[in-house]
Amino acid sequence: METLNYNFTDSQKESCAVSLMRDAVEELSLREGISYEDALLRFTSSKVYEALFDYDTGIWRESPDYLLNLYDYCIS
C-alpha cells in the first residue's frame, strides 16, 4: 500500500484545529445544554485542548466526534 506524505504548514494545521474545536464545542454546548461560551471555557481548560494544538499528535486531522469522545474520556 502506498503512503501519501502531505506537508501541511502550521498555519493550515491551526486552521483545521480551530475549525474542529468550534464544531466540537458547539456539539458539547448542545449536548450539555450550556452556552457556547461555557462549553468553550470547559474545553479550553482540558488537556485535550493542549493536545489538539500540539500538531505532532495529529488530533487536528480528526473529526469533531472523535475530539468530543477524547474530551469525554479525559474528563472522566
PDB file of N, CA and C in Angstrom:
ATOM      1  N   MET A   1       0.828  -1.167   0.000  1.00  0.00           N
ATOM      2  CA  MET A   1       0.000   0.000   0.000  1.00  0.00           C
ATOM      3  C   MET A   1       0.884   1.245   0.000  1.00  0.00           C
ATOM      4  N   GLU A   2       0.544   2.185  -0.842  1.00  0.00           N
ATOM      5  CA  GLU A   2       1.306   3.419  -0.950  1.00  0.00           C
ATOM      6  C   GLU A   2       0.855   4.411   0.118  1.00  0.00           C
ATOM      7  N   THR A   3       1.802   5.026   0.760  1.00  0.00           N
ATOM      8  CA  THR A   3       1.503   6.032   1.770  1.00  0.00           C
ATOM      9  C   THR A   3       1.761   7.410   1.190  1.00  0.00           C
ATOM     10  N   LEU A   4       0.771   8.277   1.299  1.00  0.00           N
ATOM     11  CA  LEU A   4       0.934   9.642   0.830  1.00  0.00           C
ATOM     12  C   LEU A   4       1.508  10.490   1.951  1.00  0.00           C
ATOM     13  N   ASN A   5       2.443  11.345   1.594  1.00  0.00           N
ATOM     14  CA  ASN A   5       3.069  12.205   2.587  1.00  0.00           C
ATOM     15  C   ASN A   5       2.743  13.652   2.255  1.00  0.00           C
ATOM     16  N   TYR A   6       1.791  14.220   2.979  1.00  0.00           N
ATOM     17  CA  TYR A   6       1.420  15.609   2.778  1.00  0.00           C
ATOM     18  C   TYR A   6       2.217  16.478   3.741  1.00  0.00           C
ATOM     19  N   ASN A   7       2.618  17.600   3.267  1.00  0.00           N
ATOM     20  CA  ASN A   7       3.343  18.549   4.109  1.00  0.00           C
ATOM     21  C   ASN A   7       2.464  19.762   4.354  1.00  0.00           C
ATOM     22  N   PHE A   8       1.780  19.760   5.478  1.00  0.00           N
ATOM     23  CA  PHE A   8       0.917  20.868   5.843  1.00  0.00           C
ATOM     24  C   PHE A   8       1.719  21.902   6.620  1.00  0.00           C
ATOM     25  N   THR A   9       1.421  23.159   6.402  1.00  0.00           N
ATOM     26  CA  THR A   9       2.068  24.215   7.176  1.00  0.00           C
ATOM     27  C   THR A   9       1.405  24.304   8.547  1.00  0.00           C
ATOM     28  N   ASP A  10       2.089  24.922   9.483  1.00  0.00           N
ATOM     29  CA  ASP A  10       1.495  25.109  10.811  1.00  0.00           C
ATOM     30  C   ASP A  10       0.233  25.954  10.729  1.00  0.00           C
ATOM     31  N   SER A  11       0.209  26.888   9.810  1.00  0.00           N
ATOM     32  CA  SER A  11      -0.978  27.724   9.627  1.00  0.00           C
ATOM     33  C   SER A  11      -2.172  26.886   9.171  1.00  0.00           C
ATOM     34  N   GLN A  12      -1.942  25.946   8.279  1.00  0.00           N
ATOM     35  CA  GLN A  12      -3.011  25.058   7.819  1.00  0.00           C
ATOM     36  C   GLN A  12      -3.476  24.146   8.951  1.00  0.00           C
ATOM     37  N   LYS A  13      -2.540  23.637   9.720  1.00  0.00           N
ATOM     38  CA  LYS A  13      -2.884  22.778  10.857  1.00  0.00           C
ATOM     39  C   LYS A  13      -3.694  23.553  11.894  1.00  0.00           C
ATOM     40  N   GLU A  14      -3.291  24.785  12.150  1.00  0.00           N
ATOM     41  CA  GLU A  14      -4.019  25.616  13.106  1.00  0.00           C
ATOM     42  C   GLU A  14      -5.441  25.881  12.627  1.00  0.00           C
ATOM     43  N   SER A  15      -5.584  26.158  11.349  1.00  0.00           N
ATOM     44  CA  SER A  15      -6.910  26.406  10.783  1.00  0.00           C
ATOM     45  C   SER A  15      -7.810  25.184  10.954  1.00  0.00           C
ATOM     46  N   CYS A  16      -7.276  24.010  10.688  1.00  0.00           N
ATOM     47  CA  CYS A  16      -8.037  22.766  10.870  1.00  0.00           C
ATOM     48  C   CYS A  16      -8.390  22.557  12.339  1.00  0.00           C
ATOM     49  N   ALA A  17      -7.429  22.797  13.227  1.00  0.00           N
ATOM     50  CA  ALA A  17      -7.653  22.603  14.659  1.00  0.00           C
ATOM     51  C   ALA A  17      -8.735  23.544  15.184  1.00  0.00           C
ATOM     52  N   VAL A  18      -8.696  24.790  14.758  1.00  0.00           N
ATOM     53  CA  VAL A  18      -9.692  25.766  15.214  1.00  0.00           C
ATOM     54  C   VAL A  18     -11.081  25.388  14.713  1.00  0.00           C
ATOM     55  N   SER A  19     -11.169  25.000  13.455  1.00  0.00           N
ATOM     56  CA  SER A  19     -12.459  24.585  12.885  1.00  0.00           C
ATOM     57  C   SER A  19     -13.003  23.356  13.609  1.00  0.00           C
ATOM     58  N   LEU A  20     -12.136  22.402  13.858  1.00  0.00           N
ATOM     59  CA  LEU A  20     -12.509  21.186  14.576  1.00  0.00           C
ATOM     60  C   LEU A  20     -12.984  21.516  15.990  1.00  0.00           C
ATOM     61  N   MET A  21     -12.258  22.389  16.663  1.00  0.00           N
ATOM     62  CA  MET A  21     -12.626  22.771  18.022  1.00  0.00           C
ATOM     63  C   MET A  21     -13.985  23.463  18.044  1.00  0.00           C
ATOM     64  N   ARG A  22     -14.227  24.353  17.109  1.00  0.00           N
ATOM     65  CA  ARG A  22     -15.512  25.062  17.066  1.00  0.00           C
ATOM     66  C   ARG A  22     -16.679  24.091  16.918  1.00  0.00           C
ATOM     67  N   ASP A  23     -16.516  23.122  16.027  1.00  0.00           N
ATOM     68  CA  ASP A  23     -17.586  22.137  15.820  1.00  0.00           C
ATOM     69  C   ASP A  23     -17.794  21.273  17.063  1.00  0.00           C
ATOM     70  N   ALA A  24     -16.702  20.849  17.687  1.00  0.00           N
ATOM     71  CA  ALA A  24     -16.808  20.010  18.882  1.00  0.00           C
ATOM     72  C   ALA A  24     -17.415  20.792  20.048  1.00  0.00           C
ATOM     73  N   VAL A  25     -17.039  22.045  20.201  1.00  0.00           N
ATOM     74  CA  VAL A  25     -17.578  22.876  21.282  1.00  0.00           C
ATOM     75  C   VAL A  25     -19.063  23.138  21.058  1.00  0.00           C
ATOM     76  N   GLU A  26     -19.457  23.339  19.815  1.00  0.00           N
ATOM     77  CA  GLU A  26     -20.880  23.520  19.506  1.00  0.00           C
ATOM     78  C   GLU A  26     -21.668  22.279  19.916  1.00  0.00           C
ATOM     79  N   GLU A  27     -21.141  21.111  19.588  1.00  0.00           N
ATOM     80  CA  GLU A  27     -21.803  19.856  19.960  1.00  0.00           C
ATOM     81  C   GLU A  27     -21.837  19.684  21.480  1.00  0.00           C
ATOM     82  N   LEU A  28     -20.750  20.026  22.156  1.00  0.00           N
ATOM     83  CA  LEU A  28     -20.696  19.952  23.619  1.00  0.00           C
ATOM     84  C   LEU A  28     -21.745  20.878  24.236  1.00  0.00           C
ATOM     85  N   SER A  29     -21.875  22.057  23.693  1.00  0.00           N
ATOM     86  CA  SER A  29     -22.859  23.028  24.162  1.00  0.00           C
ATOM     87  C   SER A  29     -24.279  22.484  24.041  1.00  0.00           C
ATOM     88  N   LEU A  30     -24.594  21.930  22.895  1.00  0.00           N
ATOM     89  CA  LEU A  30     -25.930  21.372  22.667  1.00  0.00           C
ATOM     90  C   LEU A  30     -26.192  20.168  23.563  1.00  0.00           C
ATOM     91  N   ARG A  31     -25.205  19.304  23.671  1.00  0.00           N
ATOM     92  CA  ARG A  31     -25.353  18.079  24.453  1.00  0.00           C
ATOM     93  C   ARG A  31     -25.548  18.368  25.935  1.00  0.00           C
ATOM     94  N   GLU A  32     -24.793  19.324  26.451  1.00  0.00           N
ATOM     95  CA  GLU A  32     -24.836  19.628  27.882  1.00  0.00           C
ATOM     96  C   GLU A  32     -25.889  20.676  28.237  1.00  0.00           C
ATOM     97  N   GLY A  33     -26.484  21.302  27.234  1.00  0.00           N
ATOM     98  CA  GLY A  33     -27.477  22.336  27.490  1.00  0.00           C
ATOM     99  C   GLY A  33     -26.883  23.585  28.125  1.00  0.00           C
ATOM    100  N   ILE A  34     -25.669  23.928  27.711  1.00  0.00           N
ATOM    101  CA  ILE A  34     -24.982  25.106  28.245  1.00  0.00           C
ATOM    102  C   ILE A  34     -24.669  26.052  27.092  1.00  0.00           C
ATOM    103  N   SER A  35     -24.288  27.262  27.433  1.00  0.00           N
ATOM    104  CA  SER A  35     -23.960  28.228  26.386  1.00  0.00           C
ATOM    105  C   SER A  35     -22.678  27.810  25.662  1.00  0.00           C
ATOM    106  N   TYR A  36     -22.529  28.317  24.454  1.00  0.00           N
ATOM    107  CA  TYR A  36     -21.315  28.042  23.682  1.00  0.00           C
ATOM    108  C   TYR A  36     -20.092  28.540  24.455  1.00  0.00           C
ATOM    109  N   GLU A  37     -20.219  29.703  25.076  1.00  0.00           N
ATOM    110  CA  GLU A  37     -19.107  30.282  25.828  1.00  0.00           C
ATOM    111  C   GLU A  37     -18.700  29.389  26.995  1.00  0.00           C
ATOM    112  N   ASP A  38     -19.680  28.843  27.720  1.00  0.00           N
ATOM    113  CA  ASP A  38     -19.367  27.934  28.826  1.00  0.00           C
ATOM    114  C   ASP A  38     -18.719  26.649  28.318  1.00  0.00           C
ATOM    115  N   ALA A  39     -19.218  26.133  27.219  1.00  0.00           N
ATOM    116  CA  ALA A  39     -18.625  24.930  26.634  1.00  0.00           C
ATOM    117  C   ALA A  39     -17.198  25.206  26.182  1.00  0.00           C
ATOM    118  N   LEU A  40     -16.976  26.381  25.611  1.00  0.00           N
ATOM    119  CA  LEU A  40     -15.631  26.758  25.170  1.00  0.00           C
ATOM    120  C   LEU A  40     -14.678  26.856  26.358  1.00  0.00           C
ATOM    121  N   LEU A  41     -15.145  27.435  27.452  1.00  0.00           N
ATOM    122  CA  LEU A  41     -14.307  27.524  28.656  1.00  0.00           C
ATOM    123  C   LEU A  41     -13.970  26.142  29.202  1.00  0.00           C
ATOM    124  N   ARG A  42     -14.949  25.253  29.227  1.00  0.00           N
ATOM    125  CA  ARG A  42     -14.687  23.877  29.686  1.00  0.00           C
ATOM    126  C   ARG A  42     -13.651  23.204  28.790  1.00  0.00           C
ATOM    127  N   PHE A  43     -13.862  23.333  27.480  1.00  0.00           N
ATOM    128  CA  PHE A  43     -12.968  22.651  26.547  1.00  0.00           C
ATOM    129  C   PHE A  43     -11.549  23.199  26.623  1.00  0.00           C
ATOM    130  N   THR A  44     -11.417  24.524  26.661  1.00  0.00           N
ATOM    131  CA  THR A  44     -10.075  25.111  26.664  1.00  0.00           C
ATOM    132  C   THR A  44      -9.339  24.887  27.979  1.00  0.00           C
ATOM    133  N   SER A  45     -10.047  24.445  29.009  1.00  0.00           N
ATOM    134  CA  SER A  45      -9.414  24.114  30.286  1.00  0.00           C
ATOM    135  C   SER A  45      -8.967  22.655  30.345  1.00  0.00           C
ATOM    136  N   SER A  46      -9.218  21.912  29.292  1.00  0.00           N
ATOM    137  CA  SER A  46      -8.908  20.475  29.291  1.00  0.00           C
ATOM    138  C   SER A  46      -7.555  20.180  28.643  1.00  0.00           C
ATOM    139  N   LYS A  47      -7.052  18.998  28.941  1.00  0.00           N
ATOM    140  CA  LYS A  47      -5.803  18.541  28.326  1.00  0.00           C
ATOM    141  C   LYS A  47      -5.975  18.279  26.835  1.00  0.00           C
ATOM    142  N   VAL A  48      -7.200  18.010  26.426  1.00  0.00           N
ATOM    143  CA  VAL A  48      -7.480  17.750  25.011  1.00  0.00           C
ATOM    144  C   VAL A  48      -7.206  19.004  24.187  1.00  0.00           C
ATOM    145  N   TYR A  49      -7.519  20.155  24.754  1.00  0.00           N
ATOM    146  CA  TYR A  49      -7.240  21.419  24.066  1.00  0.00           C
ATOM    147  C   TYR A  49      -5.743  21.548  23.792  1.00  0.00           C
ATOM    148  N   GLU A  50      -4.941  21.272  24.794  1.00  0.00           N
ATOM    149  CA  GLU A  50      -3.486  21.336  24.626  1.00  0.00           C
ATOM    150  C   GLU A  50      -3.018  20.344  23.569  1.00  0.00           C
ATOM    151  N   ALA A  51      -3.554  19.142  23.612  1.00  0.00           N
ATOM    152  CA  ALA A  51      -3.154  18.109  22.654  1.00  0.00           C
ATOM    153  C   ALA A  51      -3.581  18.462  21.232  1.00  0.00           C
ATOM    154  N   LEU A  52      -4.739  19.096  21.092  1.00  0.00           N
ATOM    155  CA  LEU A  52      -5.231  19.483  19.770  1.00  0.00           C
ATOM    156  C   LEU A  52      -4.255  20.421  19.079  1.00  0.00           C
ATOM    157  N   PHE A  53      -3.677  21.345  19.830  1.00  0.00           N
ATOM    158  CA  PHE A  53      -2.762  22.322  19.244  1.00  0.00           C
ATOM    159  C   PHE A  53      -1.302  21.891  19.324  1.00  0.00           C
ATOM    160  N   ASP A  54      -1.052  20.665  19.786  1.00  0.00           N
ATOM    161  CA  ASP A  54       0.265  20.037  19.649  1.00  0.00           C
ATOM    162  C   ASP A  54       0.171  19.229  18.363  1.00  0.00           C
ATOM    163  N   TYR A  55       0.603  19.817  17.269  1.00  0.00           N
ATOM    164  CA  TYR A  55       0.343  19.243  15.950  1.00  0.00           C
ATOM    165  C   TYR A  55       0.980  17.876  15.741  1.00  0.00           C
ATOM    166  N   ASP A  56       1.969  17.536  16.556  1.00  0.00           N
ATOM    167  CA  ASP A  56       2.594  16.215  16.448  1.00  0.00           C
ATOM    168  C   ASP A  56       1.634  15.090  16.829  1.00  0.00           C
ATOM    169  N   THR A  57       0.593  15.395  17.604  1.00  0.00           N
ATOM    170  CA  THR A  57      -0.373  14.359  17.992  1.00  0.00           C
ATOM    171  C   THR A  57      -1.257  13.945  16.824  1.00  0.00           C
ATOM    172  N   GLY A  58      -1.433  14.846  15.858  1.00  0.00           N
ATOM    173  CA  GLY A  58      -2.283  14.547  14.705  1.00  0.00           C
ATOM    174  C   GLY A  58      -3.771  14.660  14.985  1.00  0.00           C
ATOM    175  N   ILE A  59      -4.134  15.094  16.184  1.00  0.00           N
ATOM    176  CA  ILE A  59      -5.555  15.209  16.525  1.00  0.00           C
ATOM    177  C   ILE A  59      -6.251  16.220  15.623  1.00  0.00           C
ATOM    178  N   TRP A  60      -5.531  17.213  15.157  1.00  0.00           N
ATOM    179  CA  TRP A  60      -6.107  18.249  14.291  1.00  0.00           C
ATOM    180  C   TRP A  60      -6.698  17.665  13.008  1.00  0.00           C
ATOM    181  N   ARG A  61      -6.347  16.416  12.665  1.00  0.00           N
ATOM    182  CA  ARG A  61      -6.859  15.758  11.448  1.00  0.00           C
ATOM    183  C   ARG A  61      -8.133  14.964  11.693  1.00  0.00           C
ATOM    184  N   GLU A  62      -8.569  14.866  12.931  1.00  0.00           N
ATOM    185  CA  GLU A  62      -9.692  14.002  13.279  1.00  0.00           C
ATOM    186  C   GLU A  62     -11.038  14.716  13.134  1.00  0.00           C
ATOM    187  N   SER A  63     -12.103  14.001  13.463  1.00  0.00           N
ATOM    188  CA  SER A  63     -13.467  14.539  13.352  1.00  0.00           C
ATOM    189  C   SER A  63     -13.895  15.184  14.673  1.00  0.00           C
ATOM    190  N   PRO A  64     -14.932  16.024  14.633  1.00  0.00           N
ATOM    191  CA  PRO A  64     -15.461  16.589  15.880  1.00  0.00           C
ATOM    192  C   PRO A  64     -15.933  15.509  16.858  1.00  0.00           C
ATOM    193  N   ASP A  65     -16.528  14.442  16.348  1.00  0.00           N
ATOM    194  CA  ASP A  65     -16.969  13.347  17.226  1.00  0.00           C
ATOM    195  C   ASP A  65     -15.787  12.703  17.938  1.00  0.00           C
ATOM    196  N   TYR A  66     -14.709  12.485  17.208  1.00  0.00           N
ATOM    197  CA  TYR A  66     -13.502  11.910  17.808  1.00  0.00           C
ATOM    198  C   TYR A  66     -12.987  12.825  18.916  1.00  0.00           C
ATOM    199  N   LEU A  67     -12.926  14.121  18.618  1.00  0.00           N
ATOM    200  CA  LEU A  67     -12.420  15.083  19.592  1.00  0.00           C
ATOM    201  C   LEU A  67     -13.297  15.115  20.839  1.00  0.00           C
ATOM    202  N   LEU A  68     -14.588  15.081  20.657  1.00  0.00           N
ATOM    203  CA  LEU A  68     -15.505  15.100  21.797  1.00  0.00           C
ATOM    204  C   LEU A  68     -15.409  13.804  22.604  1.00  0.00           C
ATOM    205  N   ASN A  69     -15.240  12.677  21.944  1.00  0.00           N
ATOM    206  CA  ASN A  69     -15.044  11.409  22.657  1.00  0.00           C
ATOM    207  C   ASN A  69     -13.753  11.437  23.466  1.00  0.00           C
ATOM    208  N   LEU A  70     -12.713  12.014  22.892  1.00  0.00           N
ATOM    209  CA  LEU A  70     -11.444  12.146  23.600  1.00  0.00           C
ATOM    210  C   LEU A  70     -11.604  13.066  24.810  1.00  0.00           C
ATOM    211  N   TYR A  71     -12.331  14.139  24.634  1.00  0.00           N
ATOM    212  CA  TYR A  71     -12.627  15.065  25.736  1.00  0.00           C
ATOM    213  C   TYR A  71     -13.370  14.324  26.854  1.00  0.00           C
ATOM    214  N   ASP A  72     -14.407  13.584  26.492  1.00  0.00           N
ATOM    215  CA  ASP A  72     -15.183  12.834  27.487  1.00  0.00           C
ATOM    216  C   ASP A  72     -14.305  11.843  28.241  1.00  0.00           C
ATOM    217  N   TYR A  73     -13.439  11.156  27.523  1.00  0.00           N
ATOM    218  CA  TYR A  73     -12.543  10.176  28.136  1.00  0.00           C
ATOM    219  C   TYR A  73     -11.601  10.857  29.136  1.00  0.00           C
ATOM    220  N   CYS A  74     -11.084  12.009  28.752  1.00  0.00           N
ATOM    221  CA  CYS A  74     -10.101  12.694  29.596  1.00  0.00           C
ATOM    222  C   CYS A  74     -10.700  13.335  30.840  1.00  0.00           C
ATOM    223  N   ILE A  75     -11.979  13.685  30.790  1.00  0.00           N
ATOM    224  CA  ILE A  75     -12.572  14.308  31.983  1.00  0.00           C
ATOM    225  C   ILE A  75     -13.240  13.288  32.899  1.00  0.00           C
ATOM    226  N   SER A  76     -13.318  12.040  32.453  1.00  0.00           N
ATOM    227  CA  SER A  76     -13.980  11.027  33.292  1.00  0.00           C
ATOM    228  C   SER A  76     -13.012  10.375  34.259  1.00  0.00           C
TER     229      SER A  76
END
